[in-house]
Amino acid sequence: MSEDRLRYIEVVGEGPSGSGEDLEEAQRAAFQAARRSAETLAEVADLRITGVQSIAQIADGEEPARLDRLRYRVRFGVEPAKSSSSRAGFLAT
């Protein structure tokens, strides 16, 4: 894995589209879905999420104004969850 890949996890989160206050709730739901996915990936990779680096809305379909779902690409910064010394007893061959 390259050093650059160890600096972030990028995931896509979805939520039902809405308008007004519903739109804010849909945005929040999409972001939370992305965060849950990133946390799961980070745990598997023995990383810890440090914060949000970027958020970008993804347009699906040919007519973005008629979307049924909101989609966001969210990039989270990461760092090692544990020091290498905490893995004592495991030897890579």
PDB file of N, CA and C in Angstrom:
ATOM      1  N   MET A   1       0.861  -1.179   0.000  1.00  0.00           N
ATOM      2  CA  MET A   1       0.000   0.000   0.000  1.00  0.00           C
ATOM      3  C   MET A   1       0.901   1.234   0.000  1.00  0.00           C
ATOM      4  N   SER A   2       0.620   2.184  -0.857  1.00  0.00           N
ATOM      5  CA  SER A   2       1.450   3.383  -0.930  1.00  0.00           C
ATOM      6  C   SER A   2       1.223   4.273   0.294  1.00  0.00           C
ATOM      7  N   GLU A   3       2.201   5.128   0.555  1.00  0.00           N
ATOM      8  CA  GLU A   3       2.085   6.066   1.674  1.00  0.00           C
ATOM      9  C   GLU A   3       0.873   6.968   1.516  1.00  0.00           C
ATOM     10  N   ASP A   4       0.567   7.389   0.265  1.00  0.00           N
ATOM     11  CA  ASP A   4      -0.568   8.275   0.036  1.00  0.00           C
ATOM     12  C   ASP A   4      -1.870   7.620   0.469  1.00  0.00           C
ATOM     13  N   ARG A   5      -2.015   6.337   0.229  1.00  0.00           N
ATOM     14  CA  ARG A   5      -3.240   5.643   0.611  1.00  0.00           C
ATOM     15  C   ARG A   5      -3.382   5.527   2.123  1.00  0.00           C
ATOM     16  N   LEU A   6      -2.297   5.620   2.849  1.00  0.00           N
ATOM     17  CA  LEU A   6      -2.373   5.545   4.307  1.00  0.00           C
ATOM     18  C   LEU A   6      -2.817   6.860   4.921  1.00  0.00           C
ATOM     19  N   ARG A   7      -3.009   7.893   4.123  1.00  0.00           N
ATOM     20  CA  ARG A   7      -3.383   9.206   4.644  1.00  0.00           C
ATOM     21  C   ARG A   7      -4.883   9.462   4.635  1.00  0.00           C
ATOM     22  N   TYR A   8      -5.631   8.677   3.874  1.00  0.00           N
ATOM     23  CA  TYR A   8      -7.073   8.923   3.823  1.00  0.00           C
ATOM     24  C   TYR A   8      -7.848   7.669   3.447  1.00  0.00           C
ATOM     25  N   ILE A   9      -9.143   7.695   3.772  1.00  0.00           N
ATOM     26  CA  ILE A   9     -10.121   6.704   3.322  1.00  0.00           C
ATOM     27  C   ILE A   9     -11.218   7.502   2.638  1.00  0.00           C
ATOM     28  N   GLU A  10     -11.558   7.103   1.426  1.00  0.00           N
ATOM     29  CA  GLU A  10     -12.606   7.806   0.679  1.00  0.00           C
ATOM     30  C   GLU A  10     -13.777   6.851   0.481  1.00  0.00           C
ATOM     31  N   VAL A  11     -14.963   7.280   0.876  1.00  0.00           N
ATOM     32  CA  VAL A  11     -16.160   6.444   0.782  1.00  0.00           C
ATOM     33  C   VAL A  11     -17.316   7.261   0.217  1.00  0.00           C
ATOM     34  N   VAL A  12     -18.372   6.555  -0.203  1.00  0.00           N
ATOM     35  CA  VAL A  12     -19.578   7.208  -0.704  1.00  0.00           C
ATOM     36  C   VAL A  12     -20.709   6.904   0.269  1.00  0.00           C
ATOM     37  N   GLY A  13     -21.432   7.948   0.668  1.00  0.00           N
ATOM     38  CA  GLY A  13     -22.589   7.792   1.535  1.00  0.00           C
ATOM     39  C   GLY A  13     -23.832   8.232   0.805  1.00  0.00           C
ATOM     40  N   GLU A  14     -24.956   7.569   1.059  1.00  0.00           N
ATOM     41  CA  GLU A  14     -26.227   7.887   0.409  1.00  0.00           C
ATOM     42  C   GLU A  14     -27.314   8.151   1.427  1.00  0.00           C
ATOM     43  N   GLY A  15     -28.266   8.960   1.010  1.00  0.00           N
ATOM     44  CA  GLY A  15     -29.458   9.209   1.802  1.00  0.00           C
ATOM     45  C   GLY A  15     -30.579   9.618   0.872  1.00  0.00           C
ATOM     46  N   PRO A  16     -31.833   9.408   1.256  1.00  0.00           N
ATOM     47  CA  PRO A  16     -32.953   9.818   0.392  1.00  0.00           C
ATOM     48  C   PRO A  16     -32.944  11.328   0.211  1.00  0.00           C
ATOM     49  N   SER A  17     -33.238  11.790  -1.005  1.00  0.00           N
ATOM     50  CA  SER A  17     -33.238  13.228  -1.244  1.00  0.00           C
ATOM     51  C   SER A  17     -34.454  13.869  -0.586  1.00  0.00           C
ATOM     52  N   GLY A  18     -34.398  15.168  -0.410  1.00  0.00           N
ATOM     53  CA  GLY A  18     -35.496  15.902   0.211  1.00  0.00           C
ATOM     54  C   GLY A  18     -35.390  17.364  -0.153  1.00  0.00           C
ATOM     55  N   SER A  19     -36.203  18.184   0.497  1.00  0.00           N
ATOM     56  CA  SER A  19     -36.141  19.628   0.268  1.00  0.00           C
ATOM     57  C   SER A  19     -36.306  20.333   1.606  1.00  0.00           C
ATOM     58  N   GLY A  20     -35.750  21.527   1.713  1.00  0.00           N
ATOM     59  CA  GLY A  20     -35.859  22.294   2.954  1.00  0.00           C
ATOM     60  C   GLY A  20     -35.205  21.583   4.113  1.00  0.00           C
ATOM     61  N   GLU A  21     -35.934  21.445   5.219  1.00  0.00           N
ATOM     62  CA  GLU A  21     -35.409  20.753   6.394  1.00  0.00           C
ATOM     63  C   GLU A  21     -35.152  19.286   6.089  1.00  0.00           C
ATOM     64  N   ASP A  22     -35.978  18.699   5.207  1.00  0.00           N
ATOM     65  CA  ASP A  22     -35.764  17.306   4.808  1.00  0.00           C
ATOM     66  C   ASP A  22     -34.421  17.147   4.107  1.00  0.00           C
ATOM     67  N   LEU A  23     -34.010  18.161   3.333  1.00  0.00           N
ATOM     68  CA  LEU A  23     -32.733  18.122   2.635  1.00  0.00           C
ATOM     69  C   LEU A  23     -31.588  18.082   3.643  1.00  0.00           C
ATOM     70  N   GLU A  24     -31.676  18.900   4.678  1.00  0.00           N
ATOM     71  CA  GLU A  24     -30.630  18.888   5.705  1.00  0.00           C
ATOM     72  C   GLU A  24     -30.539  17.527   6.375  1.00  0.00           C
ATOM     73  N   GLU A  25     -31.669  16.915   6.652  1.00  0.00           N
ATOM     74  CA  GLU A  25     -31.690  15.587   7.270  1.00  0.00           C
ATOM     75  C   GLU A  25     -31.112  14.546   6.307  1.00  0.00           C
ATOM     76  N   ALA A  26     -31.437  14.658   5.023  1.00  0.00           N
ATOM     77  CA  ALA A  26     -30.903  13.738   4.023  1.00  0.00           C
ATOM     78  C   ALA A  26     -29.392  13.887   3.904  1.00  0.00           C
ATOM     79  N   GLN A  27     -28.896  15.113   3.928  1.00  0.00           N
ATOM     80  CA  GLN A  27     -27.456  15.344   3.880  1.00  0.00           C
ATOM     81  C   GLN A  27     -26.773  14.740   5.099  1.00  0.00           C
ATOM     82  N   ARG A  28     -27.369  14.936   6.249  1.00  0.00           N
ATOM     83  CA  ARG A  28     -26.819  14.389   7.492  1.00  0.00           C
ATOM     84  C   ARG A  28     -26.793  12.854   7.431  1.00  0.00           C
ATOM     85  N   ALA A  29     -27.873  12.249   6.921  1.00  0.00           N
ATOM     86  CA  ALA A  29     -27.949  10.788   6.818  1.00  0.00           C
ATOM     87  C   ALA A  29     -26.886  10.256   5.855  1.00  0.00           C
ATOM     88  N   ALA A  30     -26.676  10.943   4.734  1.00  0.00           N
ATOM     89  CA  ALA A  30     -25.662  10.515   3.769  1.00  0.00           C
ATOM     90  C   ALA A  30     -24.265  10.608   4.383  1.00  0.00           C
ATOM     91  N   PHE A  31     -24.003  11.690   5.107  1.00  0.00           N
ATOM     92  CA  PHE A  31     -22.699  11.846   5.748  1.00  0.00           C
ATOM     93  C   PHE A  31     -22.480  10.775   6.814  1.00  0.00           C
ATOM     94  N   GLN A  32     -23.506  10.495   7.611  1.00  0.00           N
ATOM     95  CA  GLN A  32     -23.378   9.476   8.661  1.00  0.00           C
ATOM     96  C   GLN A  32     -23.146   8.094   8.057  1.00  0.00           C
ATOM     97  N   ALA A  33     -23.797   7.806   6.922  1.00  0.00           N
ATOM     98  CA  ALA A  33     -23.572   6.528   6.238  1.00  0.00           C
ATOM     99  C   ALA A  33     -22.125   6.437   5.772  1.00  0.00           C
ATOM    100  N   ALA A  34     -21.595   7.528   5.244  1.00  0.00           N
ATOM    101  CA  ALA A  34     -20.194   7.553   4.817  1.00  0.00           C
ATOM    102  C   ALA A  34     -19.271   7.354   6.010  1.00  0.00           C
ATOM    103  N   ARG A  35     -19.574   8.012   7.111  1.00  0.00           N
ATOM    104  CA  ARG A  35     -18.716   7.893   8.306  1.00  0.00           C
ATOM    105  C   ARG A  35     -18.707   6.458   8.836  1.00  0.00           C
ATOM    106  N   ARG A  36     -19.876   5.819   8.871  1.00  0.00           N
ATOM    107  CA  ARG A  36     -19.937   4.429   9.341  1.00  0.00           C
ATOM    108  C   ARG A  36     -19.090   3.518   8.445  1.00  0.00           C
ATOM    109  N   SER A  37     -19.182   3.722   7.140  1.00  0.00           N
ATOM    110  CA  SER A  37     -18.379   2.919   6.210  1.00  0.00           C
ATOM    111  C   SER A  37     -16.897   3.157   6.439  1.00  0.00           C
ATOM    112  N   ALA A  38     -16.508   4.412   6.605  1.00  0.00           N
ATOM    113  CA  ALA A  38     -15.102   4.746   6.823  1.00  0.00           C
ATOM    114  C   ALA A  38     -14.599   4.158   8.136  1.00  0.00           C
ATOM    115  N   GLU A  39     -15.413   4.209   9.182  1.00  0.00           N
ATOM    116  CA  GLU A  39     -15.007   3.649  10.476  1.00  0.00           C
ATOM    117  C   GLU A  39     -14.805   2.139  10.377  1.00  0.00           C
ATOM    118  N   THR A  40     -15.671   1.464   9.631  1.00  0.00           N
ATOM    119  CA  THR A  40     -15.534   0.023   9.442  1.00  0.00           C
ATOM    120  C   THR A  40     -14.248  -0.298   8.698  1.00  0.00           C
ATOM    121  N   LEU A  41     -13.996   0.423   7.606  1.00  0.00           N
ATOM    122  CA  LEU A  41     -12.766   0.208   6.838  1.00  0.00           C
ATOM    123  C   LEU A  41     -11.524   0.516   7.668  1.00  0.00           C
ATOM    124  N   ALA A  42     -11.584   1.588   8.430  1.00  0.00           N
ATOM    125  CA  ALA A  42     -10.438   1.970   9.263  1.00  0.00           C
ATOM    126  C   ALA A  42     -10.140   0.897  10.302  1.00  0.00           C
ATOM    127  N   GLU A  43     -11.178   0.355  10.906  1.00  0.00           N
ATOM    128  CA  GLU A  43     -10.980  -0.681  11.918  1.00  0.00           C
ATOM    129  C   GLU A  43     -10.312  -1.907  11.310  1.00  0.00           C
ATOM    130  N   VAL A  44     -10.760  -2.318  10.135  1.00  0.00           N
ATOM    131  CA  VAL A  44     -10.179  -3.477   9.463  1.00  0.00           C
ATOM    132  C   VAL A  44      -8.713  -3.221   9.119  1.00  0.00           C
ATOM    133  N   ALA A  45      -8.394  -1.990   8.728  1.00  0.00           N
ATOM    134  CA  ALA A  45      -7.031  -1.635   8.323  1.00  0.00           C
ATOM    135  C   ALA A  45      -6.160  -1.199   9.505  1.00  0.00           C
ATOM    136  N   ASP A  46      -6.691  -1.277  10.719  1.00  0.00           N
ATOM    137  CA  ASP A  46      -5.968  -0.870  11.930  1.00  0.00           C
ATOM    138  C   ASP A  46      -5.563   0.602  11.862  1.00  0.00           C
ATOM    139  N   LEU A  47      -6.527   1.437  11.448  1.00  0.00           N
ATOM    140  CA  LEU A  47      -6.329   2.882  11.351  1.00  0.00           C
ATOM    141  C   LEU A  47      -7.348   3.592  12.222  1.00  0.00           C
ATOM    142  N   ARG A  48      -7.113   4.876  12.456  1.00  0.00           N
ATOM    143  CA  ARG A  48      -8.049   5.712  13.206  1.00  0.00           C
ATOM    144  C   ARG A  48      -8.378   6.920  12.344  1.00  0.00           C
ATOM    145  N   ILE A  49      -9.668   7.270  12.269  1.00  0.00           N
ATOM    146  CA  ILE A  49     -10.099   8.440  11.512  1.00  0.00           C
ATOM    147  C   ILE A  49      -9.731   9.702  12.283  1.00  0.00           C
ATOM    148  N   THR A  50      -9.100  10.656  11.586  1.00  0.00           N
ATOM    149  CA  THR A  50      -8.676  11.894  12.248  1.00  0.00           C
ATOM    150  C   THR A  50      -9.598  13.064  11.946  1.00  0.00           C
ATOM    151  N   GLY A  51     -10.330  13.030  10.860  1.00  0.00           N
ATOM    152  CA  GLY A  51     -11.232  14.129  10.520  1.00  0.00           C
ATOM    153  C   GLY A  51     -11.606  14.098   9.059  1.00  0.00           C
ATOM    154  N   VAL A  52     -12.485  15.010   8.669  1.00  0.00           N
ATOM    155  CA  VAL A  52     -12.953  15.096   7.289  1.00  0.00           C
ATOM    156  C   VAL A  52     -11.994  15.963   6.487  1.00  0.00           C
ATOM    157  N   GLN A  53     -11.539  15.447   5.344  1.00  0.00           N
ATOM    158  CA  GLN A  53     -10.669  16.219   4.454  1.00  0.00           C
ATOM    159  C   GLN A  53     -11.456  16.892   3.343  1.00  0.00           C
ATOM    160  N   SER A  54     -12.478  16.194   2.820  1.00  0.00           N
ATOM    161  CA  SER A  54     -13.292  16.799   1.760  1.00  0.00           C
ATOM    162  C   SER A  54     -14.633  16.090   1.639  1.00  0.00           C
ATOM    163  N   ILE A  55     -15.620  16.835   1.143  1.00  0.00           N
ATOM    164  CA  ILE A  55     -16.954  16.305   0.877  1.00  0.00           C
ATOM    165  C   ILE A  55     -17.363  16.821  -0.494  1.00  0.00           C
ATOM    166  N   ALA A  56     -17.819  15.920  -1.378  1.00  0.00           N
ATOM    167  CA  ALA A  56     -18.266  16.335  -2.703  1.00  0.00           C
ATOM    168  C   ALA A  56     -19.558  15.596  -3.042  1.00  0.00           C
ATOM    169  N   GLN A  57     -20.552  16.331  -3.529  1.00  0.00           N
ATOM    170  CA  GLN A  57     -21.801  15.694  -3.935  1.00  0.00           C
ATOM    171  C   GLN A  57     -21.597  15.019  -5.277  1.00  0.00           C
ATOM    172  N   ILE A  58     -22.156  13.830  -5.432  1.00  0.00           N
ATOM    173  CA  ILE A  58     -22.059  13.060  -6.667  1.00  0.00           C
ATOM    174  C   ILE A  58     -23.414  13.108  -7.356  1.00  0.00           C
ATOM    175  N   ALA A  59     -23.427  13.490  -8.620  1.00  0.00           N
ATOM    176  CA  ALA A  59     -24.672  13.521  -9.398  1.00  0.00           C
ATOM    177  C   ALA A  59     -24.838  12.179 -10.097  1.00  0.00           C
ATOM    178  N   ASP A  60     -25.980  11.539  -9.892  1.00  0.00           N
ATOM    179  CA  ASP A  60     -26.299  10.274 -10.558  1.00  0.00           C
ATOM    180  C   ASP A  60     -27.273  10.531 -11.688  1.00  0.00           C
ATOM    181  N   GLY A  61     -27.215   9.703 -12.672  1.00  0.00           N
ATOM    182  CA  GLY A  61     -28.184   9.778 -13.744  1.00  0.00           C
ATOM    183  C   GLY A  61     -27.934  10.938 -14.684  1.00  0.00           C
ATOM    184  N   GLU A  62     -28.814  11.073 -15.634  1.00  0.00           N
ATOM    185  CA  GLU A  62     -28.682  12.111 -16.654  1.00  0.00           C
ATOM    186  C   GLU A  62     -29.241  13.454 -16.204  1.00  0.00           C
ATOM    187  N   GLU A  63     -30.188  13.432 -15.282  1.00  0.00           N
ATOM    188  CA  GLU A  63     -30.817  14.665 -14.820  1.00  0.00           C
ATOM    189  C   GLU A  63     -30.605  14.807 -13.315  1.00  0.00           C
ATOM    190  N   PRO A  64     -29.517  15.474 -12.906  1.00  0.00           N
ATOM    191  CA  PRO A  64     -29.225  15.594 -11.472  1.00  0.00           C
ATOM    192  C   PRO A  64     -30.341  16.248 -10.659  1.00  0.00           C
ATOM    193  N   ALA A  65     -31.168  17.079 -11.261  1.00  0.00           N
ATOM    194  CA  ALA A  65     -32.244  17.747 -10.528  1.00  0.00           C
ATOM    195  C   ALA A  65     -33.344  16.768 -10.105  1.00  0.00           C
ATOM    196  N   ARG A  66     -33.383  15.576 -10.700  1.00  0.00           N
ATOM    197  CA  ARG A  66     -34.452  14.622 -10.401  1.00  0.00           C
ATOM    198  C   ARG A  66     -33.936  13.421  -9.606  1.00  0.00           C
ATOM    199  N   LEU A  67     -32.947  13.622  -8.810  1.00  0.00           N
ATOM    200  CA  LEU A  67     -32.372  12.519  -8.042  1.00  0.00           C
ATOM    201  C   LEU A  67     -33.316  12.037  -6.951  1.00  0.00           C
ATOM    202  N   ASP A  68     -33.370  10.730  -6.763  1.00  0.00           N
ATOM    203  CA  ASP A  68     -34.131  10.149  -5.654  1.00  0.00           C
ATOM    204  C   ASP A  68     -33.278  10.061  -4.400  1.00  0.00           C
ATOM    205  N   ARG A  69     -31.966  10.047  -4.590  1.00  0.00           N
ATOM    206  CA  ARG A  69     -31.054   9.896  -3.464  1.00  0.00           C
ATOM    207  C   ARG A  69     -29.925  10.905  -3.580  1.00  0.00           C
ATOM    208  N   LEU A  70     -29.461  11.355  -2.430  1.00  0.00           N
ATOM    209  CA  LEU A  70     -28.269  12.201  -2.372  1.00  0.00           C
ATOM    210  C   LEU A  70     -27.078  11.288  -2.186  1.00  0.00           C
ATOM    211  N   ARG A  71     -25.996  11.578  -2.893  1.00  0.00           N
ATOM    212  CA  ARG A  71     -24.768  10.803  -2.738  1.00  0.00           C
ATOM    213  C   ARG A  71     -23.613  11.775  -2.522  1.00  0.00           C
ATOM    214  N   TYR A  72     -22.785  11.458  -1.546  1.00  0.00           N
ATOM    215  CA  TYR A  72     -21.624  12.290  -1.236  1.00  0.00           C
ATOM    216  C   TYR A  72     -20.375  11.418  -1.177  1.00  0.00           C
ATOM    217  N   ARG A  73     -19.307  11.901  -1.778  1.00  0.00           N
ATOM    218  CA  ARG A  73     -18.005  11.265  -1.644  1.00  0.00           C
ATOM    219  C   ARG A  73     -17.290  12.018  -0.524  1.00  0.00           C
ATOM    220  N   VAL A  74     -16.938  11.293   0.519  1.00  0.00           N
ATOM    221  CA  VAL A  74     -16.328  11.912   1.691  1.00  0.00           C
ATOM    222  C   VAL A  74     -14.944  11.297   1.906  1.00  0.00           C
ATOM    223  N   ARG A  75     -13.953  12.159   2.065  1.00  0.00           N
ATOM    224  CA  ARG A  75     -12.585  11.706   2.332  1.00  0.00           C
ATOM    225  C   ARG A  75     -12.248  12.033   3.782  1.00  0.00           C
ATOM    226  N   PHE A  76     -11.906  10.972   4.530  1.00  0.00           N
ATOM    227  CA  PHE A  76     -11.528  11.103   5.930  1.00  0.00           C
ATOM    228  C   PHE A  76     -10.025  10.901   6.066  1.00  0.00           C
ATOM    229  N   GLY A  77      -9.378  11.752   6.833  1.00  0.00           N
ATOM    230  CA  GLY A  77      -7.971  11.548   7.151  1.00  0.00           C
ATOM    231  C   GLY A  77      -7.838  10.408   8.131  1.00  0.00           C
ATOM    232  N   VAL A  78      -6.721   9.690   8.061  1.00  0.00           N
ATOM    233  CA  VAL A  78      -6.482   8.562   8.964  1.00  0.00           C
ATOM    234  C   VAL A  78      -5.049   8.578   9.475  1.00  0.00           C
ATOM    235  N   GLU A  79      -4.862   7.858  10.556  1.00  0.00           N
ATOM    236  CA  GLU A  79      -3.526   7.639  11.106  1.00  0.00           C
ATOM    237  C   GLU A  79      -3.504   6.244  11.712  1.00  0.00           C
ATOM    238  N   PRO A  80      -2.329   5.679  11.926  1.00  0.00           N
ATOM    239  CA  PRO A  80      -2.265   4.339  12.535  1.00  0.00           C
ATOM    240  C   PRO A  80      -2.972   4.332  13.885  1.00  0.00           C
ATOM    241  N   ALA A  81      -3.729   3.277  14.140  1.00  0.00           N
ATOM    242  CA  ALA A  81      -4.477   3.179  15.396  1.00  0.00           C
ATOM    243  C   ALA A  81      -3.564   2.800  16.550  1.00  0.00           C
ATOM    244  N   LYS A  82      -2.540   2.018  16.265  1.00  0.00           N
ATOM    245  CA  LYS A  82      -1.635   1.547  17.313  1.00  0.00           C
ATOM    246  C   LYS A  82      -0.212   1.676  16.815  1.00  0.00           C
ATOM    247  N   SER A  83       0.697   1.795  17.729  1.00  0.00           N
ATOM    248  CA  SER A  83       2.110   1.822  17.344  1.00  0.00           C
ATOM    249  C   SER A  83       2.542   0.420  16.935  1.00  0.00           C
ATOM    250  N   SER A  84       3.599   0.348  16.159  1.00  0.00           N
ATOM    251  CA  SER A  84       4.076  -0.972  15.722  1.00  0.00           C
ATOM    252  C   SER A  84       4.538  -1.826  16.892  1.00  0.00           C
ATOM    253  N   SER A  85       4.942  -1.192  18.000  1.00  0.00           N
ATOM    254  CA  SER A  85       5.386  -1.958  19.164  1.00  0.00           C
ATOM    255  C   SER A  85       4.231  -2.693  19.823  1.00  0.00           C
ATOM    256  N   SER A  86       2.994  -2.253  19.575  1.00  0.00           N
ATOM    257  CA  SER A  86       1.848  -2.935  20.184  1.00  0.00           C
ATOM    258  C   SER A  86       1.562  -4.266  19.487  1.00  0.00           C
ATOM    259  N   ARG A  87       2.224  -4.513  18.380  1.00  0.00           N
ATOM    260  CA  ARG A  87       2.021  -5.763  17.659  1.00  0.00           C
ATOM    261  C   ARG A  87       3.096  -6.801  18.004  1.00  0.00           C
ATOM    262  N   ALA A  88       3.740  -6.607  19.114  1.00  0.00           N
ATOM    263  CA  ALA A  88       4.802  -7.533  19.540  1.00  0.00           C
ATOM    264  C   ALA A  88       4.240  -8.944  19.592  1.00  0.00           C
ATOM    265  N   GLY A  89       5.068  -9.894  19.188  1.00  0.00           N
ATOM    266  CA  GLY A  89       4.611 -11.293  19.202  1.00  0.00           C
ATOM    267  C   GLY A  89       4.205 -11.757  17.821  1.00  0.00           C
ATOM    268  N   PHE A  90       3.993 -10.846  16.885  1.00  0.00           N
ATOM    269  CA  PHE A  90       3.647 -11.221  15.528  1.00  0.00           C
ATOM    270  C   PHE A  90       4.854 -10.956  14.650  1.00  0.00           C
ATOM    271  N   LEU A  91       5.242 -11.921  13.889  1.00  0.00           N
ATOM    272  CA  LEU A  91       6.425 -11.803  13.062  1.00  0.00           C
ATOM    273  C   LEU A  91       6.020 -12.018  11.611  1.00  0.00           C
ATOM    274  N   ALA A  92       6.305 -11.023  10.774  1.00  0.00           N
ATOM    275  CA  ALA A  92       6.020 -11.143   9.349  1.00  0.00           C
ATOM    276  C   ALA A  92       7.190 -11.840   8.694  1.00  0.00           C
ATOM    277  N   THR A  93       6.902 -12.839   7.882  1.00  0.00           N
ATOM    278  CA  THR A  93       7.988 -13.562   7.191  1.00  0.00           C
ATOM    279  C   THR A  93       7.933 -13.327   5.711  1.00  0.00           C
TER     280      THR A  93
END
